[in-house]
Amino acid sequence: MSRSKELSRLVKSGVLYHSKGWMPGTAGNLSLRDPKDGNLFWVSGSGLDKNRLDKKDFLPVRLETGSVPENWKGREGLKPSAETSIHRAVYKAFPEMGCSLHVHTPESNLIRTGVNRERPVMEWNLPSLEIIKAFGIWDENPQVSAPVIYNFPVVQEISDVLQKYLEEKKPRVPMCVIENHGITVWGKDLTQANRHLEAADFILKVWLLSR
């Protein structure tokens, strides 16, 4: 699928996630890896209401440097948010992934594992639910986990912890929770990433209801 069509789908996703309360205010951002250039990804700009996104609200970012190409001429004042580095960490760890979604669901803000500056990442054991099959995990009574990362005030520190974890652990579950912040999921394309986001949200809801 072309970049233009994928960006149009991301725009619609932003409206949907906003309506679900997953991207309140200007929170969160959406991205996709460029279909023709794996060293480039497109991310929604900073400070935008996700229920009013437009394809022109996305800007390109170089995977190697995290910077916008100098020759790119986009909408005046448009700039990547600090959370762009979270998407970059995912794409650097997983060359095969083509979409990353970072949202602020209420349930993801209620996870507590005891992470702190000294121990910035811990593994959260997911409840053994049927919905885990949405991640492509077909084990009977699956025993899987996802990382929970400390919410550093400087987002780049969150991204550094995430990238190191992903590269070292290669987790089976395509999701990460940032404590007191939100959740990031990824997939080979938007369709798969959205499926993972819906499954992650369901798991979080069940986990909270069971406590």
C-alpha atoms as a PDB file:
ATOM      1  CA  MET A   1       0.000   0.000   0.000  1.00  0.00           C
ATOM      2  CA  SER A   2       1.261   3.508  -0.814  1.00  0.00           C
ATOM      3  CA  ARG A   3       2.449   5.927   1.840  1.00  0.00           C
ATOM      4  CA  SER A   4      -0.427   8.296   1.030  1.00  0.00           C
ATOM      5  CA  LYS A   5      -3.057   5.606   1.581  1.00  0.00           C
ATOM      6  CA  GLU A   6      -1.410   4.426   4.799  1.00  0.00           C
ATOM      7  CA  LEU A   7      -1.273   7.986   6.122  1.00  0.00           C
ATOM      8  CA  SER A   8      -4.968   8.375   5.309  1.00  0.00           C
ATOM      9  CA  ARG A   9      -5.654   5.262   7.371  1.00  0.00           C
ATOM     10  CA  LEU A  10      -3.564   6.645  10.251  1.00  0.00           C
ATOM     11  CA  VAL A  11      -5.613   9.843  10.130  1.00  0.00           C
ATOM     12  CA  LYS A  12      -8.802   7.799  10.540  1.00  0.00           C
ATOM     13  CA  SER A  13      -7.178   5.808  13.341  1.00  0.00           C
ATOM     14  CA  GLY A  14      -6.376   9.029  15.186  1.00  0.00           C
ATOM     15  CA  VAL A  15     -10.043  10.027  15.056  1.00  0.00           C
ATOM     16  CA  LEU A  16     -11.087   6.586  16.324  1.00  0.00           C
ATOM     17  CA  TYR A  17      -8.558   6.500  19.168  1.00  0.00           C
ATOM     18  CA  HIS A  18      -9.520  10.016  20.211  1.00  0.00           C
ATOM     19  CA  SER A  19     -13.185   8.966  20.372  1.00  0.00           C
ATOM     20  CA  LYS A  20     -12.221   6.024  22.596  1.00  0.00           C
ATOM     21  CA  GLY A  21     -10.420   8.355  25.005  1.00  0.00           C
ATOM     22  CA  TRP A  22      -7.019   6.895  24.093  1.00  0.00           C
ATOM     23  CA  MET A  23      -5.610  10.169  22.723  1.00  0.00           C
ATOM     24  CA  PRO A  24      -7.152  12.941  24.847  1.00  0.00           C
ATOM     25  CA  GLY A  25      -6.156  16.513  24.185  1.00  0.00           C
ATOM     26  CA  THR A  26      -3.062  16.350  22.005  1.00  0.00           C
ATOM     27  CA  ALA A  27      -1.697  13.198  23.658  1.00  0.00           C
ATOM     28  CA  GLY A  28      -0.051  10.384  21.754  1.00  0.00           C
ATOM     29  CA  ASN A  29       1.258   9.965  18.235  1.00  0.00           C
ATOM     30  CA  LEU A  30       1.070   7.572  15.307  1.00  0.00           C
ATOM     31  CA  SER A  31       3.744   6.533  12.848  1.00  0.00           C
ATOM     32  CA  LEU A  32       4.580   4.296   9.921  1.00  0.00           C
ATOM     33  CA  ARG A  33       7.804   3.259   8.266  1.00  0.00           C
ATOM     34  CA  ASP A  34       8.130   4.582   4.736  1.00  0.00           C
ATOM     35  CA  PRO A  35       7.132   1.760   2.335  1.00  0.00           C
ATOM     36  CA  LYS A  36       9.957   2.640  -0.062  1.00  0.00           C
ATOM     37  CA  ASP A  37      12.687   3.716   2.344  1.00  0.00           C
ATOM     38  CA  GLY A  38      13.147   1.576   5.444  1.00  0.00           C
ATOM     39  CA  ASN A  39      15.475   4.186   6.944  1.00  0.00           C
ATOM     40  CA  LEU A  40      12.677   6.752   7.103  1.00  0.00           C
ATOM     41  CA  PHE A  41       9.446   6.855   9.089  1.00  0.00           C
ATOM     42  CA  TRP A  42       6.521   9.262   9.204  1.00  0.00           C
ATOM     43  CA  VAL A  43       5.099  10.471  12.514  1.00  0.00           C
ATOM     44  CA  SER A  44       2.258  12.781  13.512  1.00  0.00           C
ATOM     45  CA  GLY A  45       3.436  16.241  14.494  1.00  0.00           C
ATOM     46  CA  SER A  46       3.640  17.703  17.970  1.00  0.00           C
ATOM     47  CA  GLY A  47       0.705  19.372  19.709  1.00  0.00           C
ATOM     48  CA  LEU A  48      -2.036  18.245  17.329  1.00  0.00           C
ATOM     49  CA  ASP A  49      -5.591  17.207  18.192  1.00  0.00           C
ATOM     50  CA  LYS A  50      -5.878  13.635  16.954  1.00  0.00           C
ATOM     51  CA  ASN A  51      -9.546  14.005  15.998  1.00  0.00           C
ATOM     52  CA  ARG A  52      -8.540  16.667  13.472  1.00  0.00           C
ATOM     53  CA  LEU A  53      -5.491  15.099  11.828  1.00  0.00           C
ATOM     54  CA  ASP A  54      -4.644  15.519   8.163  1.00  0.00           C
ATOM     55  CA  LYS A  55      -2.112  13.682   6.015  1.00  0.00           C
ATOM     56  CA  LYS A  56      -0.083  16.912   5.950  1.00  0.00           C
ATOM     57  CA  ASP A  57       0.249  16.676   9.744  1.00  0.00           C
ATOM     58  CA  PHE A  58       2.815  13.863   9.384  1.00  0.00           C
ATOM     59  CA  LEU A  59       6.496  14.508   8.862  1.00  0.00           C
ATOM     60  CA  PRO A  60       9.445  12.302   7.903  1.00  0.00           C
ATOM     61  CA  VAL A  61      12.175  11.349  10.381  1.00  0.00           C
ATOM     62  CA  ARG A  62      15.490   9.668   9.577  1.00  0.00           C
ATOM     63  CA  LEU A  63      15.959   6.444  11.502  1.00  0.00           C
ATOM     64  CA  GLU A  64      19.724   6.888  11.903  1.00  0.00           C
ATOM     65  CA  THR A  65      19.696  10.418  13.289  1.00  0.00           C
ATOM     66  CA  GLY A  66      16.162  11.032  14.531  1.00  0.00           C
ATOM     67  CA  SER A  67      16.099  14.264  12.524  1.00  0.00           C
ATOM     68  CA  VAL A  68      13.802  15.592   9.824  1.00  0.00           C
ATOM     69  CA  PRO A  69      15.451  15.617   6.355  1.00  0.00           C
ATOM     70  CA  GLU A  70      16.741  19.107   5.600  1.00  0.00           C
ATOM     71  CA  ASN A  71      15.201  19.172   2.133  1.00  0.00           C
ATOM     72  CA  TRP A  72      11.701  18.322   3.336  1.00  0.00           C
ATOM     73  CA  LYS A  73       9.182  21.113   2.824  1.00  0.00           C
ATOM     74  CA  GLY A  74       6.188  20.578   5.062  1.00  0.00           C
ATOM     75  CA  ARG A  75       3.548  22.562   6.869  1.00  0.00           C
ATOM     76  CA  GLU A  76       4.961  25.657   8.567  1.00  0.00           C
ATOM     77  CA  GLY A  77       5.542  25.168  12.281  1.00  0.00           C
ATOM     78  CA  LEU A  78       5.121  21.395  12.130  1.00  0.00           C
ATOM     79  CA  LYS A  79       7.641  19.528  14.251  1.00  0.00           C
ATOM     80  CA  PRO A  80       8.020  16.010  15.676  1.00  0.00           C
ATOM     81  CA  SER A  81       7.084  15.505  19.321  1.00  0.00           C
ATOM     82  CA  ALA A  82       9.567  14.299  21.920  1.00  0.00           C
ATOM     83  CA  GLU A  83       7.805  10.911  21.817  1.00  0.00           C
ATOM     84  CA  THR A  84       9.061  10.428  18.262  1.00  0.00           C
ATOM     85  CA  SER A  85      12.094   8.794  19.846  1.00  0.00           C
ATOM     86  CA  ILE A  86       9.839   5.997  21.175  1.00  0.00           C
ATOM     87  CA  HIS A  87       8.772   5.117  17.636  1.00  0.00           C
ATOM     88  CA  ARG A  88      12.371   5.303  16.497  1.00  0.00           C
ATOM     89  CA  ALA A  89      13.409   2.810  19.193  1.00  0.00           C
ATOM     90  CA  VAL A  90      10.827   0.324  17.903  1.00  0.00           C
ATOM     91  CA  TYR A  91      11.873   0.675  14.274  1.00  0.00           C
ATOM     92  CA  LYS A  92      15.560   0.362  15.113  1.00  0.00           C
ATOM     93  CA  ALA A  93      14.983  -2.797  17.143  1.00  0.00           C
ATOM     94  CA  PHE A  94      12.639  -4.399  14.602  1.00  0.00           C
ATOM     95  CA  PRO A  95      13.494  -3.719  10.927  1.00  0.00           C
ATOM     96  CA  GLU A  96      10.472  -5.778   9.878  1.00  0.00           C
ATOM     97  CA  MET A  97       7.974  -3.555  11.717  1.00  0.00           C
ATOM     98  CA  GLY A  98       6.140  -0.952   9.667  1.00  0.00           C
ATOM     99  CA  CYS A  99       3.802   0.773  12.142  1.00  0.00           C
ATOM    100  CA  SER A 100       3.964   2.025  15.737  1.00  0.00           C
ATOM    101  CA  LEU A 101       1.091   3.423  17.786  1.00  0.00           C
ATOM    102  CA  HIS A 102       1.614   5.383  21.006  1.00  0.00           C
ATOM    103  CA  VAL A 103      -1.563   6.159  22.967  1.00  0.00           C
ATOM    104  CA  HIS A 104      -2.554   7.146  26.500  1.00  0.00           C
ATOM    105  CA  THR A 105      -5.292   4.742  27.560  1.00  0.00           C
ATOM    106  CA  PRO A 106      -6.589   5.177  31.135  1.00  0.00           C
ATOM    107  CA  GLU A 107      -5.892   1.514  31.968  1.00  0.00           C
ATOM    108  CA  SER A 108      -2.275   1.685  30.842  1.00  0.00           C
ATOM    109  CA  ASN A 109      -1.747   4.523  33.315  1.00  0.00           C
ATOM    110  CA  LEU A 110      -2.816   2.308  36.222  1.00  0.00           C
ATOM    111  CA  ILE A 111      -0.160  -0.404  35.853  1.00  0.00           C
ATOM    112  CA  ARG A 112       2.287  -0.438  38.774  1.00  0.00           C
ATOM    113  CA  THR A 113       5.369  -2.672  38.948  1.00  0.00           C
ATOM    114  CA  GLY A 114       7.740  -0.684  41.144  1.00  0.00           C
ATOM    115  CA  VAL A 115       9.991   0.682  38.417  1.00  0.00           C
ATOM    116  CA  ASN A 116      12.207   3.617  39.337  1.00  0.00           C
ATOM    117  CA  ARG A 117      15.296   5.456  38.115  1.00  0.00           C
ATOM    118  CA  GLU A 118      17.604   2.762  39.443  1.00  0.00           C
ATOM    119  CA  ARG A 119      15.513  -0.070  37.979  1.00  0.00           C
ATOM    120  CA  PRO A 120      13.806   1.587  34.998  1.00  0.00           C
ATOM    121  CA  VAL A 121      12.304  -1.504  33.379  1.00  0.00           C
ATOM    122  CA  MET A 122      10.465  -4.528  34.760  1.00  0.00           C
ATOM    123  CA  GLU A 123       8.463  -7.277  33.121  1.00  0.00           C
ATOM    124  CA  TRP A 124       4.710  -7.404  33.662  1.00  0.00           C
ATOM    125  CA  ASN A 125       3.319 -10.934  33.443  1.00  0.00           C
ATOM    126  CA  LEU A 126       0.188 -10.840  31.313  1.00  0.00           C
ATOM    127  CA  PRO A 127      -2.875 -12.796  32.417  1.00  0.00           C
ATOM    128  CA  SER A 128      -3.295 -16.000  30.421  1.00  0.00           C
ATOM    129  CA  LEU A 129      -6.146 -14.944  28.157  1.00  0.00           C
ATOM    130  CA  GLU A 130      -7.477 -16.190  24.822  1.00  0.00           C
ATOM    131  CA  ILE A 131      -6.949 -12.738  23.297  1.00  0.00           C
ATOM    132  CA  ILE A 132      -3.159 -13.227  23.455  1.00  0.00           C
ATOM    133  CA  LYS A 133      -3.593 -15.145  20.197  1.00  0.00           C
ATOM    134  CA  ALA A 134      -4.000 -11.718  18.580  1.00  0.00           C
ATOM    135  CA  PHE A 135      -0.240 -11.365  19.051  1.00  0.00           C
ATOM    136  CA  GLY A 136       0.367 -14.564  17.093  1.00  0.00           C
ATOM    137  CA  ILE A 137       1.034 -16.536  20.291  1.00  0.00           C
ATOM    138  CA  TRP A 138      -0.836 -19.839  20.234  1.00  0.00           C
ATOM    139  CA  ASP A 139       0.550 -21.489  23.381  1.00  0.00           C
ATOM    140  CA  GLU A 140      -1.856 -23.264  25.705  1.00  0.00           C
ATOM    141  CA  ASN A 141      -2.053 -21.127  28.873  1.00  0.00           C
ATOM    142  CA  PRO A 142       0.574 -18.694  27.544  1.00  0.00           C
ATOM    143  CA  GLN A 143       3.109 -17.349  30.017  1.00  0.00           C
ATOM    144  CA  VAL A 144       4.271 -14.102  28.451  1.00  0.00           C
ATOM    145  CA  SER A 145       5.246 -10.667  29.648  1.00  0.00           C
ATOM    146  CA  ALA A 146       5.628  -7.081  28.444  1.00  0.00           C
ATOM    147  CA  PRO A 147       8.048  -4.398  29.629  1.00  0.00           C
ATOM    148  CA  VAL A 148       6.937  -1.608  31.938  1.00  0.00           C
ATOM    149  CA  ILE A 149       9.264   1.387  31.831  1.00  0.00           C
ATOM    150  CA  TYR A 150       9.760   4.196  34.315  1.00  0.00           C
ATOM    151  CA  ASN A 151       8.315   7.511  33.139  1.00  0.00           C
ATOM    152  CA  PHE A 152      11.453   9.620  32.904  1.00  0.00           C
ATOM    153  CA  PRO A 153      10.656  13.332  32.413  1.00  0.00           C
ATOM    154  CA  VAL A 154      13.033  13.338  29.431  1.00  0.00           C
ATOM    155  CA  VAL A 155      11.430  11.075  26.826  1.00  0.00           C
ATOM    156  CA  GLN A 156      14.751  10.160  25.235  1.00  0.00           C
ATOM    157  CA  GLU A 157      15.650   8.314  28.441  1.00  0.00           C
ATOM    158  CA  ILE A 158      12.467   6.252  28.107  1.00  0.00           C
ATOM    159  CA  SER A 159      13.362   5.498  24.496  1.00  0.00           C
ATOM    160  CA  ASP A 160      16.922   4.479  25.378  1.00  0.00           C
ATOM    161  CA  VAL A 161      15.639   1.991  27.972  1.00  0.00           C
ATOM    162  CA  LEU A 162      13.029   0.666  25.542  1.00  0.00           C
ATOM    163  CA  GLN A 163      15.439   0.200  22.665  1.00  0.00           C
ATOM    164  CA  LYS A 164      17.981  -1.617  24.817  1.00  0.00           C
ATOM    165  CA  TYR A 165      15.281  -3.909  26.199  1.00  0.00           C
ATOM    166  CA  LEU A 166      13.837  -4.690  22.779  1.00  0.00           C
ATOM    167  CA  GLU A 167      17.220  -5.418  21.236  1.00  0.00           C
ATOM    168  CA  GLU A 168      18.332  -7.650  24.104  1.00  0.00           C
ATOM    169  CA  LYS A 169      15.069  -9.470  24.886  1.00  0.00           C
ATOM    170  CA  LYS A 170      13.260  -9.543  21.525  1.00  0.00           C
ATOM    171  CA  PRO A 171       9.928  -9.909  23.391  1.00  0.00           C
ATOM    172  CA  ARG A 172       7.114 -11.988  21.887  1.00  0.00           C
ATOM    173  CA  VAL A 173       4.456  -9.489  22.941  1.00  0.00           C
ATOM    174  CA  PRO A 174       4.515  -6.352  20.733  1.00  0.00           C
ATOM    175  CA  MET A 175       3.718  -3.831  23.416  1.00  0.00           C
ATOM    176  CA  CYS A 176       5.339  -1.653  26.053  1.00  0.00           C
ATOM    177  CA  VAL A 177       3.756   0.166  28.985  1.00  0.00           C
ATOM    178  CA  ILE A 178       5.245   3.423  30.240  1.00  0.00           C
ATOM    179  CA  GLU A 179       4.145   3.823  33.850  1.00  0.00           C
ATOM    180  CA  ASN A 180       1.919   6.866  34.494  1.00  0.00           C
ATOM    181  CA  HIS A 181       2.089   7.655  30.787  1.00  0.00           C
ATOM    182  CA  GLY A 182       0.664   5.257  28.208  1.00  0.00           C
ATOM    183  CA  ILE A 183       1.220   2.311  25.939  1.00  0.00           C
ATOM    184  CA  THR A 184       3.076   1.687  22.681  1.00  0.00           C
ATOM    185  CA  VAL A 185       2.352  -1.197  20.315  1.00  0.00           C
ATOM    186  CA  TRP A 186       3.781  -2.108  16.931  1.00  0.00           C
ATOM    187  CA  GLY A 187       3.140  -4.338  13.955  1.00  0.00           C
ATOM    188  CA  LYS A 188       4.188  -5.099  10.400  1.00  0.00           C
ATOM    189  CA  ASP A 189       1.531  -2.658   9.191  1.00  0.00           C
ATOM    190  CA  LEU A 190      -1.306  -0.564  10.561  1.00  0.00           C
ATOM    191  CA  THR A 191      -3.779  -3.429  10.410  1.00  0.00           C
ATOM    192  CA  GLN A 192      -1.599  -5.631  12.602  1.00  0.00           C
ATOM    193  CA  ALA A 193      -0.570  -2.807  14.943  1.00  0.00           C
ATOM    194  CA  ASN A 194      -4.233  -1.858  15.462  1.00  0.00           C
ATOM    195  CA  ARG A 195      -5.068  -5.490  16.243  1.00  0.00           C
ATOM    196  CA  HIS A 196      -2.275  -5.512  18.811  1.00  0.00           C
ATOM    197  CA  LEU A 197      -3.533  -2.267  20.339  1.00  0.00           C
ATOM    198  CA  GLU A 198      -7.074  -3.599  20.720  1.00  0.00           C
ATOM    199  CA  ALA A 199      -5.756  -6.809  22.302  1.00  0.00           C
ATOM    200  CA  ALA A 200      -3.483  -4.892  24.657  1.00  0.00           C
ATOM    201  CA  ASP A 201      -6.329  -2.638  25.758  1.00  0.00           C
ATOM    202  CA  PHE A 202      -8.561  -5.672  26.435  1.00  0.00           C
ATOM    203  CA  ILE A 203      -5.810  -7.362  28.483  1.00  0.00           C
ATOM    204  CA  LEU A 204      -5.275  -4.239  30.551  1.00  0.00           C
ATOM    205  CA  LYS A 205      -9.014  -3.913  31.235  1.00  0.00           C
ATOM    206  CA  VAL A 206      -9.318  -7.566  32.323  1.00  0.00           C
ATOM    207  CA  TRP A 207      -6.229  -7.320  34.527  1.00  0.00           C
ATOM    208  CA  LEU A 208      -7.617  -4.260  36.321  1.00  0.00           C
ATOM    209  CA  LEU A 209     -11.073  -5.769  36.747  1.00  0.00           C
ATOM    210  CA  SER A 210      -9.571  -8.911  38.275  1.00  0.00           C
ATOM    211  CA  ARG A 211      -7.702  -7.039  40.971  1.00  0.00           C
END
